[in-house]
N, C-alpha and C. Protein backbone atom coordinates (compact mmCIF):
# COMPACT_ATOMS: atom_id res chain seq x y z
N MET A 1 0.62 -1.27 0.16
CA MET A 1 0.23 0.06 -0.16
C MET A 1 0.64 1.19 0.02
N PRO A 2 1.07 1.87 -1.05
CA PRO A 2 1.51 3.45 -0.85
C PRO A 2 1.22 4.16 -0.16
N THR A 3 2.28 4.45 0.57
CA THR A 3 2.58 5.69 1.45
C THR A 3 1.31 7.77 1.62
N GLU A 4 1.40 7.77 2.23
CA GLU A 4 0.71 9.28 2.31
C GLU A 4 1.74 10.32 0.94
N ASN A 5 3.10 10.22 1.16
CA ASN A 5 3.79 11.02 0.89
C ASN A 5 4.12 10.48 -0.94
N ALA A 6 4.33 8.83 -1.16
CA ALA A 6 4.12 8.48 -2.45
C ALA A 6 2.88 8.83 -2.99
N LEU A 7 1.35 8.41 -2.54
CA LEU A 7 0.19 9.06 -3.29
C LEU A 7 0.40 10.51 -3.53
N ILE A 8 0.60 11.66 -2.88
CA ILE A 8 1.21 12.80 -2.93
C ILE A 8 2.31 13.17 -3.49
N ALA A 9 3.23 12.91 -3.60
CA ALA A 9 4.20 12.62 -5.41
C ALA A 9 3.69 11.97 -6.36
N HIS A 10 3.03 10.69 -6.00
CA HIS A 10 2.55 10.85 -7.60
C HIS A 10 1.20 11.62 -8.42
N ARG A 11 0.71 12.15 -6.84
CA ARG A 11 -0.35 12.96 -7.57
C ARG A 11 0.33 14.89 -8.36
N SER A 12 1.44 14.79 -7.86
CA SER A 12 2.27 15.75 -8.64
C SER A 12 2.58 15.60 -9.65
N VAL A 13 3.20 14.21 -10.19
CA VAL A 13 3.65 14.15 -11.40
C VAL A 13 2.65 14.46 -12.48
N VAL A 14 1.43 14.30 -12.58
CA VAL A 14 0.30 14.32 -13.16
C VAL A 14 0.19 15.88 -13.42
N GLU A 15 -0.26 16.83 -11.47
CA GLU A 15 -0.46 17.61 -11.69
C GLU A 15 0.19 19.20 -12.65
N LEU A 16 1.55 18.15 -12.23
CA LEU A 16 3.36 19.13 -13.16
C LEU A 16 2.66 18.96 -13.93
N HIS A 17 2.71 17.99 -15.09
CA HIS A 17 2.57 17.62 -16.52
C HIS A 17 0.91 18.72 -17.08
N GLN A 18 0.45 18.76 -16.08
CA GLN A 18 -1.02 19.44 -16.82
C GLN A 18 -0.56 20.12 -16.89
N TRP A 19 -0.40 21.08 -15.57
CA TRP A 19 1.09 22.43 -16.15
C TRP A 19 1.52 23.26 -16.84
N ILE A 20 2.22 22.13 -16.93
CA ILE A 20 3.57 22.38 -18.88
C ILE A 20 2.50 22.12 -19.63
N GLU A 21 1.76 21.33 -19.71
CA GLU A 21 0.59 21.37 -21.07
C GLU A 21 0.19 22.51 -21.17
N ALA A 22 -0.52 23.16 -20.16
CA ALA A 22 -1.09 24.39 -20.03
C ALA A 22 -0.27 25.63 -20.70
N VAL A 23 1.17 25.75 -20.16
CA VAL A 23 1.38 26.75 -20.34
C VAL A 23 2.16 26.70 -21.57
N PHE A 24 2.44 25.14 -22.30
CA PHE A 24 3.03 25.37 -23.65
C PHE A 24 1.80 25.79 -24.75
N ARG A 25 0.40 24.99 -24.32
CA ARG A 25 -0.51 25.37 -24.47
C ARG A 25 -0.56 27.02 -25.51
N GLY A 26 -0.86 27.67 -24.46
CA GLY A 26 -0.70 29.04 -24.02
C GLY A 26 -2.33 29.23 -23.45
N ALA A 27 -2.70 28.61 -22.29
CA ALA A 27 -3.90 28.27 -22.41
C ALA A 27 -4.19 30.26 -21.51
N PRO A 28 -5.62 30.18 -21.29
CA PRO A 28 -5.79 31.74 -20.90
C PRO A 28 -5.16 31.96 -18.83
N ASP A 29 -5.19 30.93 -18.35
CA ASP A 29 -4.75 31.70 -16.80
C ASP A 29 -3.25 30.46 -17.18
N SER A 30 -2.56 30.78 -17.83
CA SER A 30 -1.05 30.51 -18.16
C SER A 30 -0.23 30.60 -17.17
N VAL A 31 -0.51 32.16 -17.03
CA VAL A 31 0.79 32.81 -16.52
C VAL A 31 0.51 32.49 -14.75
N ALA A 32 -0.73 32.25 -13.95
CA ALA A 32 -0.88 31.86 -12.69
C ALA A 32 -0.67 30.32 -13.01
N VAL A 33 -0.84 29.65 -14.07
CA VAL A 33 -0.41 28.59 -13.73
C VAL A 33 1.11 27.85 -13.94
N ARG A 34 1.39 28.95 -14.69
CA ARG A 34 3.16 29.34 -15.10
C ARG A 34 3.22 28.89 -13.29
N GLU A 35 2.64 30.11 -12.33
CA GLU A 35 3.41 30.93 -11.23
C GLU A 35 3.30 29.29 -10.33
N ARG A 36 2.10 28.35 -10.49
CA ARG A 36 2.14 27.42 -9.31
C ARG A 36 3.29 26.50 -9.65
N LEU A 37 3.39 26.20 -10.81
CA LEU A 37 4.28 25.30 -11.21
C LEU A 37 6.04 25.60 -11.28
N MET A 38 6.70 26.99 -11.04
CA MET A 38 6.88 27.31 -10.47
C MET A 38 7.79 27.31 -9.45
N GLY A 39 6.09 26.67 -8.52
CA GLY A 39 6.53 26.63 -6.65
C GLY A 39 6.38 25.38 -6.41
N SER A 40 6.51 24.17 -7.37
CA SER A 40 6.74 23.09 -7.24
C SER A 40 8.02 22.27 -7.21
N PHE A 41 8.35 23.46 -7.77
CA PHE A 41 10.25 22.87 -8.05
C PHE A 41 11.08 23.27 -6.56
N HIS A 42 11.43 22.71 -5.53
CA HIS A 42 12.26 23.02 -4.80
C HIS A 42 14.19 24.14 -5.34
N ARG A 43 14.24 24.73 -5.02
CA ARG A 43 15.19 26.08 -5.32
C ARG A 43 16.24 25.49 -5.61
N ASP A 44 17.00 23.81 -5.07
CA ASP A 44 17.72 23.24 -5.74
C ASP A 44 17.74 22.60 -6.97
N PHE A 45 16.92 22.89 -7.38
CA PHE A 45 15.95 21.58 -8.46
C PHE A 45 17.40 21.52 -9.86
N ILE A 46 17.10 20.03 -10.00
CA ILE A 46 18.25 20.28 -11.24
C ILE A 46 17.62 19.17 -11.58
N MET A 47 18.02 19.63 -13.60
CA MET A 47 17.23 18.14 -14.27
C MET A 47 18.98 18.16 -15.07
N VAL A 48 17.97 16.67 -15.45
CA VAL A 48 19.07 15.74 -17.02
C VAL A 48 18.24 15.78 -17.83
N THR A 49 18.83 16.68 -18.97
CA THR A 49 17.73 16.25 -20.08
C THR A 49 17.78 15.11 -21.12
N THR A 50 16.66 14.73 -21.51
CA THR A 50 17.01 13.91 -22.64
C THR A 50 18.78 14.09 -23.91
N GLY A 51 18.81 15.53 -24.12
CA GLY A 51 20.27 15.22 -24.27
C GLY A 51 21.48 15.03 -23.59
N GLY A 52 20.93 15.01 -22.32
CA GLY A 52 21.58 14.63 -21.19
C GLY A 52 22.57 15.91 -20.61
N GLN A 53 21.81 17.24 -20.61
CA GLN A 53 22.49 18.27 -20.30
C GLN A 53 22.07 18.68 -19.14
N THR A 54 22.81 19.10 -17.87
CA THR A 54 22.16 19.35 -16.88
C THR A 54 21.77 20.86 -16.25
N VAL A 55 20.69 21.07 -16.43
CA VAL A 55 20.25 22.14 -16.29
C VAL A 55 19.59 22.49 -15.04
N GLY A 56 19.47 24.14 -14.41
CA GLY A 56 18.61 24.18 -12.89
C GLY A 56 17.21 24.63 -13.07
N LEU A 57 17.41 25.38 -12.15
CA LEU A 57 16.10 26.07 -11.85
C LEU A 57 15.61 27.43 -13.20
N PRO A 58 17.41 28.14 -12.70
CA PRO A 58 17.11 29.43 -13.67
C PRO A 58 16.48 28.92 -14.73
N GLU A 59 17.15 27.58 -15.61
CA GLU A 59 17.49 27.16 -16.94
C GLU A 59 15.47 26.90 -17.60
N VAL A 60 14.68 26.71 -16.11
CA VAL A 60 13.95 25.69 -16.10
C VAL A 60 12.86 27.12 -16.45
N GLU A 61 13.13 27.73 -15.90
CA GLU A 61 11.82 28.63 -15.83
C GLU A 61 12.29 29.63 -16.77
N ALA A 62 13.10 30.11 -17.53
CA ALA A 62 13.79 30.62 -18.93
C ALA A 62 13.15 29.97 -19.87
N LEU A 63 12.53 28.06 -19.62
CA LEU A 63 12.37 27.19 -20.36
C LEU A 63 10.86 27.42 -20.72
N PHE A 64 10.07 27.57 -19.56
CA PHE A 64 8.90 27.85 -19.80
C PHE A 64 8.41 29.54 -19.97
N GLN A 65 9.13 30.26 -19.90
CA GLN A 65 9.06 31.46 -20.14
C GLN A 65 9.40 31.66 -21.69
N ARG A 66 9.75 31.65 -22.52
CA ARG A 66 9.90 31.17 -23.54
C ARG A 66 9.52 30.28 -24.66
N LEU A 67 9.17 28.85 -24.08
CA LEU A 67 7.63 28.42 -24.79
C LEU A 67 6.51 28.35 -24.86
N ALA A 68 5.80 29.93 -23.32
CA ALA A 68 4.53 30.14 -23.36
C ALA A 68 3.98 29.82 -24.63
N GLY A 69 2.16 29.23 -25.09
CA GLY A 69 1.80 29.34 -25.86
C GLY A 69 2.64 28.63 -27.18
N ALA A 70 3.54 28.23 -27.13
CA ALA A 70 4.66 27.93 -28.20
C ALA A 70 4.07 25.99 -29.19
N ARG A 71 2.89 25.66 -28.08
CA ARG A 71 3.39 24.92 -28.53
C ARG A 71 1.33 24.39 -28.66
N PRO A 72 0.63 24.99 -29.03
CA PRO A 72 -1.00 25.25 -28.86
C PRO A 72 -1.91 23.61 -28.61
N ALA A 73 -1.55 21.94 -30.03
CA ALA A 73 -1.79 21.08 -30.47
C ALA A 73 -1.22 20.19 -28.88
N LEU A 74 -0.08 20.91 -27.80
CA LEU A 74 0.00 19.72 -26.83
C LEU A 74 -0.56 19.14 -26.13
N ASN A 75 -0.40 18.03 -26.17
CA ASN A 75 -0.95 16.74 -25.39
C ASN A 75 0.02 16.10 -24.38
N ILE A 76 -0.17 15.88 -23.16
CA ILE A 76 0.95 15.25 -22.72
C ILE A 76 0.03 14.41 -21.08
N GLU A 77 0.48 12.44 -21.75
CA GLU A 77 0.39 11.63 -21.25
C GLU A 77 1.02 11.00 -19.89
N ILE A 78 0.71 10.52 -19.33
CA ILE A 78 1.38 10.36 -17.71
C ILE A 78 0.54 8.51 -17.57
N ASP A 79 1.68 7.47 -17.52
CA ASP A 79 1.47 6.37 -17.07
C ASP A 79 2.67 5.78 -16.67
N ALA A 80 2.45 4.53 -16.31
CA ALA A 80 3.31 3.65 -15.82
C ALA A 80 3.57 4.30 -14.21
N CYS A 81 4.05 4.86 -14.00
CA CYS A 81 3.82 5.78 -12.12
C CYS A 81 4.64 4.61 -10.88
N GLU A 82 5.63 4.58 -10.51
CA GLU A 82 5.32 4.21 -9.27
C GLU A 82 6.51 4.19 -8.82
N THR A 83 6.84 3.91 -7.20
CA THR A 83 7.43 4.09 -6.73
C THR A 83 9.28 3.92 -6.79
N LEU A 84 9.97 4.32 -6.81
CA LEU A 84 10.61 3.63 -6.70
C LEU A 84 11.33 3.21 -5.10
N ALA A 85 11.43 4.18 -4.64
CA ALA A 85 12.27 4.82 -3.00
C ALA A 85 11.67 5.26 -2.71
N GLN A 86 11.72 5.09 -0.92
CA GLN A 86 11.21 6.23 -0.61
C GLN A 86 12.08 6.16 1.11
N GLU A 87 12.14 7.56 1.24
CA GLU A 87 13.05 7.78 2.82
C GLU A 87 12.45 9.03 3.06
N LYS A 88 12.40 8.78 4.13
CA LYS A 88 11.47 10.15 5.13
C LYS A 88 10.52 10.96 4.19
N SER A 89 10.10 12.19 4.51
CA SER A 89 10.48 12.66 3.18
C SER A 89 10.14 12.63 2.08
N GLN A 90 11.20 11.79 1.26
CA GLN A 90 11.68 12.22 -0.48
C GLN A 90 11.21 11.34 -0.18
N VAL A 91 10.28 10.98 -1.81
CA VAL A 91 9.98 10.05 -2.57
C VAL A 91 10.67 9.85 -4.23
N VAL A 92 10.97 9.10 -4.51
CA VAL A 92 11.83 8.27 -6.19
C VAL A 92 10.65 7.94 -7.16
N CYS A 93 10.20 8.39 -7.81
CA CYS A 93 9.20 8.49 -8.31
C CYS A 93 9.78 7.74 -10.06
N ARG A 94 9.07 6.51 -11.31
CA ARG A 94 9.40 6.75 -12.05
C ARG A 94 8.07 6.80 -12.95
N TYR A 95 8.22 7.42 -14.33
CA TYR A 95 6.44 7.79 -15.04
C TYR A 95 7.23 6.95 -16.29
N ARG A 96 6.09 6.81 -17.11
CA ARG A 96 6.15 7.55 -18.72
C ARG A 96 5.56 8.79 -18.93
N GLU A 97 6.06 9.38 -19.54
CA GLU A 97 5.71 10.84 -20.22
C GLU A 97 5.43 10.38 -21.79
N THR A 98 4.08 11.04 -22.25
CA THR A 98 4.25 10.46 -23.73
C THR A 98 3.66 11.78 -23.95
N HIS A 99 4.38 12.60 -25.10
CA HIS A 99 3.95 14.06 -25.74
C HIS A 99 3.40 14.12 -27.57
N HIS A 100 1.83 14.15 -27.06
CA HIS A 100 1.61 14.21 -28.78
C HIS A 100 0.67 16.02 -28.83
N ASP A 101 2.12 16.11 -30.19
CA ASP A 101 2.01 16.94 -30.46
C ASP A 101 1.51 17.05 -31.97
N GLY A 102 0.57 17.77 -32.39
CA GLY A 102 0.30 17.12 -34.17
C GLY A 102 0.21 16.13 -35.00
N ASP A 103 1.16 15.43 -35.51
CA ASP A 103 1.69 14.80 -36.08
C ASP A 103 3.27 13.39 -35.44
N SER A 104 3.15 14.78 -34.43
CA SER A 104 4.78 14.32 -33.33
C SER A 104 4.35 13.71 -32.23
N VAL A 105 4.88 12.41 -31.74
CA VAL A 105 4.73 11.47 -30.95
C VAL A 105 6.33 11.63 -29.99
N GLN A 106 6.35 11.69 -28.88
CA GLN A 106 8.14 11.81 -27.79
C GLN A 106 7.77 11.06 -26.93
N ALA A 107 8.56 9.90 -26.45
CA ALA A 107 8.52 9.47 -25.29
C ALA A 107 9.63 9.52 -24.73
N ARG A 108 9.52 9.11 -22.94
CA ARG A 108 10.29 9.19 -22.05
C ARG A 108 10.47 8.44 -20.91
N TRP A 109 11.08 7.49 -20.19
CA TRP A 109 11.02 7.68 -18.62
C TRP A 109 12.07 8.49 -18.26
N SER A 110 11.03 9.04 -17.41
CA SER A 110 11.99 9.95 -16.02
C SER A 110 12.27 9.82 -15.05
N VAL A 111 12.95 10.14 -13.70
CA VAL A 111 12.60 9.63 -12.39
C VAL A 111 13.12 10.61 -12.42
N ALA A 112 12.03 11.32 -10.97
CA ALA A 112 12.51 12.25 -10.30
C ALA A 112 11.88 12.17 -8.81
N MET A 113 13.00 12.81 -8.44
CA MET A 113 13.06 12.70 -7.00
C MET A 113 12.15 13.83 -6.43
N ILE A 114 11.15 13.47 -5.15
CA ILE A 114 9.63 14.55 -4.93
C ILE A 114 10.35 14.49 -3.27
N GLU A 115 10.07 15.93 -3.05
CA GLU A 115 10.45 16.01 -1.62
C GLU A 115 9.20 16.68 -0.73
N VAL A 116 8.35 15.86 -0.21
CA VAL A 116 7.23 16.47 0.52
C VAL A 116 7.32 17.04 2.03
N ILE A 117 7.10 18.33 1.75
CA ILE A 117 7.10 19.00 3.43
C ILE A 117 5.77 19.50 3.76
N ASP A 118 5.70 18.99 4.60
CA ASP A 118 3.78 19.97 4.99
C ASP A 118 3.36 19.26 3.46
N GLN A 119 2.69 18.27 3.55
CA GLN A 119 2.07 18.01 2.18
C GLN A 119 2.15 18.86 1.04
N GLN A 120 3.13 18.65 1.21
CA GLN A 120 3.67 20.20 -0.11
C GLN A 120 4.08 19.47 -1.02
N PRO A 121 4.33 18.39 -2.31
CA PRO A 121 5.61 18.26 -3.21
C PRO A 121 6.34 19.41 -3.71
N TYR A 122 7.45 19.43 -3.25
CA TYR A 122 8.59 20.28 -4.20
C TYR A 122 9.67 19.27 -4.43
N TRP A 123 9.94 19.43 -6.37
CA TRP A 123 10.37 19.07 -6.81
C TRP A 123 12.00 18.84 -7.02
N ARG A 124 12.92 17.90 -6.05
CA ARG A 124 14.12 18.27 -6.19
C ARG A 124 15.17 17.78 -7.45
N PHE A 125 14.73 17.13 -7.93
CA PHE A 125 15.97 16.06 -8.98
C PHE A 125 14.95 15.51 -10.50
N LEU A 126 14.93 16.08 -10.92
CA LEU A 126 14.62 15.09 -12.89
C LEU A 126 15.96 14.61 -14.02
N GLN A 127 14.93 13.00 -14.28
CA GLN A 127 16.25 12.74 -15.25
C GLN A 127 15.67 12.12 -16.32
N GLU A 128 15.32 12.70 -17.82
CA GLU A 128 14.60 12.34 -18.37
C GLU A 128 14.92 11.83 -19.13
N THR A 129 14.87 10.65 -20.25
CA THR A 129 15.37 9.29 -21.11
C THR A 129 14.72 9.34 -21.95
N ALA A 130 15.07 9.25 -23.58
CA ALA A 130 14.18 9.20 -24.40
C ALA A 130 14.02 8.48 -25.02
N ILE A 131 12.48 7.86 -25.56
CA ILE A 131 12.46 6.19 -25.55
C ILE A 131 12.31 6.16 -27.41
N PRO A 132 13.70 5.63 -27.58
CA PRO A 132 13.32 5.21 -29.44
C PRO A 132 11.71 5.16 -29.82
N ALA A 133 11.77 5.85 -31.03
CA ALA A 133 10.73 6.09 -32.26
C ALA A 133 10.43 4.24 -32.74
């Protein structure tokens, strides 16, 4: 049976990607959504992209600002979410993320470390690995 922190982390995986989709699609409330999205990251957040680059929170925020409204047909599907490890407030999740954008489909496996503080999830680390088409 998943712990409360694991359930919070899994819910965060889905919500975070719904918010990313809304920002990239240019939803009417995308500025407020982007603020909520950025509030979900720990200030020391690190991400390893599918291309192998390591980026921090400032680069991620710049990416969301730059791509706001740039992908109006984007649909992000999340599935296969599972807890790989849990230690006190930290939960490590793995999930498959599939981006449908017009005729383009790109999928990746992602591993995220999410810290849950007072029932609030904060993303500390994310590594994405492309799944070949």
